[in-house]
Amino acid sequence: MRKAVAAFEAGIKLGALFHQFVGVPVSEKNVEILEKAMESCLRLQPYVIEAEVKIERQKLRTSKFGYTSLSPDILRARVIVDFEGERVEAVLEWDEELNYPLMKLRNL
């Protein structure tokens, strides 16, 4: 049961991150700051012991105004949750085949 709770919590963390930040303005000037802010938001949440966010810079295409909106296909996130001694790692990655931002568990 604890493993299921940890998995649920990890999914909630990634889902919240996704829905809070997709669409935010991003450019080469603030991409690192945005990654760190997103990681910080993840780490504030209960049971999170590790968090990492990456925005794929090679896919970051800015408009003539010097920025773009964060899109799901360039966002990668990883979180490790510990609930009462049960740890799970969950990732958010773009799945090219599905054309969809897929969240999944990984074995630790």
C-alpha atoms as a PDB file:
ATOM      1  CA  MET A   1       0.000   0.000   0.000  1.00  0.00           C
ATOM      2  CA  ARG A   2       2.831   2.417   0.832  1.00  0.00           C
ATOM      3  CA  LYS A   3       4.348   1.885  -2.615  1.00  0.00           C
ATOM      4  CA  ALA A   4       0.996   2.754  -4.217  1.00  0.00           C
ATOM      5  CA  VAL A   5       0.749   5.931  -2.141  1.00  0.00           C
ATOM      6  CA  ALA A   6       4.303   6.901  -3.111  1.00  0.00           C
ATOM      7  CA  ALA A   7       3.489   6.305  -6.795  1.00  0.00           C
ATOM      8  CA  PHE A   8       0.301   8.346  -6.522  1.00  0.00           C
ATOM      9  CA  GLU A   9       2.159  11.196  -4.826  1.00  0.00           C
ATOM     10  CA  ALA A  10       4.835  11.179  -7.547  1.00  0.00           C
ATOM     11  CA  GLY A  11       2.158  11.392 -10.241  1.00  0.00           C
ATOM     12  CA  ILE A  12       0.450  14.272  -8.471  1.00  0.00           C
ATOM     13  CA  LYS A  13       3.749  16.156  -8.281  1.00  0.00           C
ATOM     14  CA  LEU A  14       4.480  15.760 -12.000  1.00  0.00           C
ATOM     15  CA  GLY A  15       0.906  16.549 -12.994  1.00  0.00           C
ATOM     16  CA  ALA A  16       0.918  19.733 -10.954  1.00  0.00           C
ATOM     17  CA  LEU A  17       4.246  20.777 -12.436  1.00  0.00           C
ATOM     18  CA  PHE A  18       3.007  20.149 -15.955  1.00  0.00           C
ATOM     19  CA  HIS A  19      -0.256  22.052 -15.586  1.00  0.00           C
ATOM     20  CA  GLN A  20       1.259  24.960 -13.681  1.00  0.00           C
ATOM     21  CA  PHE A  21       4.159  25.680 -16.018  1.00  0.00           C
ATOM     22  CA  VAL A  22       3.251  24.666 -19.583  1.00  0.00           C
ATOM     23  CA  GLY A  23       2.620  27.910 -21.418  1.00  0.00           C
ATOM     24  CA  VAL A  24       4.923  30.072 -19.313  1.00  0.00           C
ATOM     25  CA  PRO A  25       7.208  32.418 -21.318  1.00  0.00           C
ATOM     26  CA  VAL A  26      10.702  30.984 -21.787  1.00  0.00           C
ATOM     27  CA  SER A  27      13.859  32.015 -23.625  1.00  0.00           C
ATOM     28  CA  GLU A  28      17.572  31.341 -23.510  1.00  0.00           C
ATOM     29  CA  LYS A  29      17.790  34.187 -20.995  1.00  0.00           C
ATOM     30  CA  ASN A  30      15.558  32.563 -18.370  1.00  0.00           C
ATOM     31  CA  VAL A  31      15.584  28.838 -19.190  1.00  0.00           C
ATOM     32  CA  GLU A  32      17.982  27.930 -16.377  1.00  0.00           C
ATOM     33  CA  ILE A  33      16.126  30.110 -13.878  1.00  0.00           C
ATOM     34  CA  LEU A  34      12.843  28.493 -14.918  1.00  0.00           C
ATOM     35  CA  GLU A  35      14.282  24.981 -14.488  1.00  0.00           C
ATOM     36  CA  LYS A  36      15.506  25.842 -10.987  1.00  0.00           C
ATOM     37  CA  ALA A  37      12.173  27.455 -10.050  1.00  0.00           C
ATOM     38  CA  MET A  38      10.287  24.360 -11.200  1.00  0.00           C
ATOM     39  CA  GLU A  39      12.645  22.087  -9.254  1.00  0.00           C
ATOM     40  CA  SER A  40      12.202  24.267  -6.181  1.00  0.00           C
ATOM     41  CA  CYS A  41       8.410  24.016  -6.474  1.00  0.00           C
ATOM     42  CA  LEU A  42       8.625  20.230  -6.691  1.00  0.00           C
ATOM     43  CA  ARG A  43      10.918  20.003  -3.662  1.00  0.00           C
ATOM     44  CA  LEU A  44       8.514  22.020  -1.512  1.00  0.00           C
ATOM     45  CA  GLN A  45       5.857  19.332  -1.776  1.00  0.00           C
ATOM     46  CA  PRO A  46       5.450  16.557   0.793  1.00  0.00           C
ATOM     47  CA  TYR A  47       7.518  13.375   0.437  1.00  0.00           C
ATOM     48  CA  VAL A  48       9.756  14.696  -2.371  1.00  0.00           C
ATOM     49  CA  ILE A  49      13.395  13.899  -1.714  1.00  0.00           C
ATOM     50  CA  GLU A  50      14.827  14.668  -5.148  1.00  0.00           C
ATOM     51  CA  ALA A  51      13.668  16.650  -8.181  1.00  0.00           C
ATOM     52  CA  GLU A  52      15.158  17.554 -11.533  1.00  0.00           C
ATOM     53  CA  VAL A  53      13.726  19.565 -14.432  1.00  0.00           C
ATOM     54  CA  LYS A  54      15.272  20.012 -17.857  1.00  0.00           C
ATOM     55  CA  ILE A  55      14.091  22.093 -20.773  1.00  0.00           C
ATOM     56  CA  GLU A  56      15.565  20.901 -24.060  1.00  0.00           C
ATOM     57  CA  ARG A  57      17.460  23.906 -25.312  1.00  0.00           C
ATOM     58  CA  GLN A  58      18.039  22.480 -28.804  1.00  0.00           C
ATOM     59  CA  LYS A  59      14.255  22.454 -29.298  1.00  0.00           C
ATOM     60  CA  LEU A  60      13.724  25.899 -27.775  1.00  0.00           C
ATOM     61  CA  ARG A  61      12.531  27.998 -30.724  1.00  0.00           C
ATOM     62  CA  THR A  62      11.937  31.633 -29.877  1.00  0.00           C
ATOM     63  CA  SER A  63       9.766  34.071 -31.780  1.00  0.00           C
ATOM     64  CA  LYS A  64      10.938  37.367 -33.230  1.00  0.00           C
ATOM     65  CA  PHE A  65      10.181  38.804 -29.790  1.00  0.00           C
ATOM     66  CA  GLY A  66      12.897  36.663 -28.184  1.00  0.00           C
ATOM     67  CA  TYR A  67      10.793  34.123 -26.306  1.00  0.00           C
ATOM     68  CA  THR A  68       8.315  31.313 -26.719  1.00  0.00           C
ATOM     69  CA  SER A  69       5.857  29.453 -24.512  1.00  0.00           C
ATOM     70  CA  LEU A  70       7.012  26.357 -22.685  1.00  0.00           C
ATOM     71  CA  SER A  71       5.575  23.393 -24.552  1.00  0.00           C
ATOM     72  CA  PRO A  72       5.203  19.781 -23.385  1.00  0.00           C
ATOM     73  CA  ASP A  73       7.576  18.423 -26.024  1.00  0.00           C
ATOM     74  CA  ILE A  74      10.603  20.238 -24.567  1.00  0.00           C
ATOM     75  CA  LEU A  75       9.915  19.603 -20.881  1.00  0.00           C
ATOM     76  CA  ARG A  76      11.549  16.744 -18.956  1.00  0.00           C
ATOM     77  CA  ALA A  77      11.109  16.192 -15.233  1.00  0.00           C
ATOM     78  CA  ARG A  78      12.097  13.586 -12.668  1.00  0.00           C
ATOM     79  CA  VAL A  79      11.018  13.249  -9.069  1.00  0.00           C
ATOM     80  CA  ILE A  80      11.822  10.789  -6.292  1.00  0.00           C
ATOM     81  CA  VAL A  81       9.213  10.408  -3.566  1.00  0.00           C
ATOM     82  CA  ASP A  82       9.648   8.610  -0.261  1.00  0.00           C
ATOM     83  CA  PHE A  83       6.497   7.657   1.608  1.00  0.00           C
ATOM     84  CA  GLU A  84       7.125   5.851   4.879  1.00  0.00           C
ATOM     85  CA  GLY A  85      10.256   4.164   3.540  1.00  0.00           C
ATOM     86  CA  GLU A  86       8.884   3.281   0.102  1.00  0.00           C
ATOM     87  CA  ARG A  87      10.635   5.155  -2.686  1.00  0.00           C
ATOM     88  CA  VAL A  88       9.526   5.635  -6.253  1.00  0.00           C
ATOM     89  CA  GLU A  89      11.033   7.540  -9.139  1.00  0.00           C
ATOM     90  CA  ALA A  90       8.696   9.073 -11.684  1.00  0.00           C
ATOM     91  CA  VAL A  91       9.525  10.874 -14.912  1.00  0.00           C
ATOM     92  CA  LEU A  92       7.711  13.138 -17.298  1.00  0.00           C
ATOM     93  CA  GLU A  93       8.998  12.750 -20.849  1.00  0.00           C
ATOM     94  CA  TRP A  94       7.688  13.487 -24.301  1.00  0.00           C
ATOM     95  CA  ASP A  95       6.782  10.297 -26.143  1.00  0.00           C
ATOM     96  CA  GLU A  96       7.393  10.870 -29.864  1.00  0.00           C
ATOM     97  CA  GLU A  97       5.440   7.800 -30.924  1.00  0.00           C
ATOM     98  CA  LEU A  98       2.362   8.805 -28.922  1.00  0.00           C
ATOM     99  CA  ASN A  99       2.920  12.538 -29.501  1.00  0.00           C
ATOM    100  CA  TYR A 100       2.099  12.938 -25.823  1.00  0.00           C
ATOM    101  CA  PRO A 101       3.743  13.984 -22.526  1.00  0.00           C
ATOM    102  CA  LEU A 102       3.941  10.627 -20.752  1.00  0.00           C
ATOM    103  CA  MET A 103       4.464  10.170 -17.024  1.00  0.00           C
ATOM    104  CA  LYS A 104       5.824   6.838 -15.873  1.00  0.00           C
ATOM    105  CA  LEU A 105       7.438   5.114 -12.929  1.00  0.00           C
ATOM    106  CA  ARG A 106      10.987   3.831 -12.989  1.00  0.00           C
ATOM    107  CA  ASN A 107      12.555   1.263 -10.700  1.00  0.00           C
ATOM    108  CA  LEU A 108      15.050   2.553  -8.161  1.00  0.00           C
END
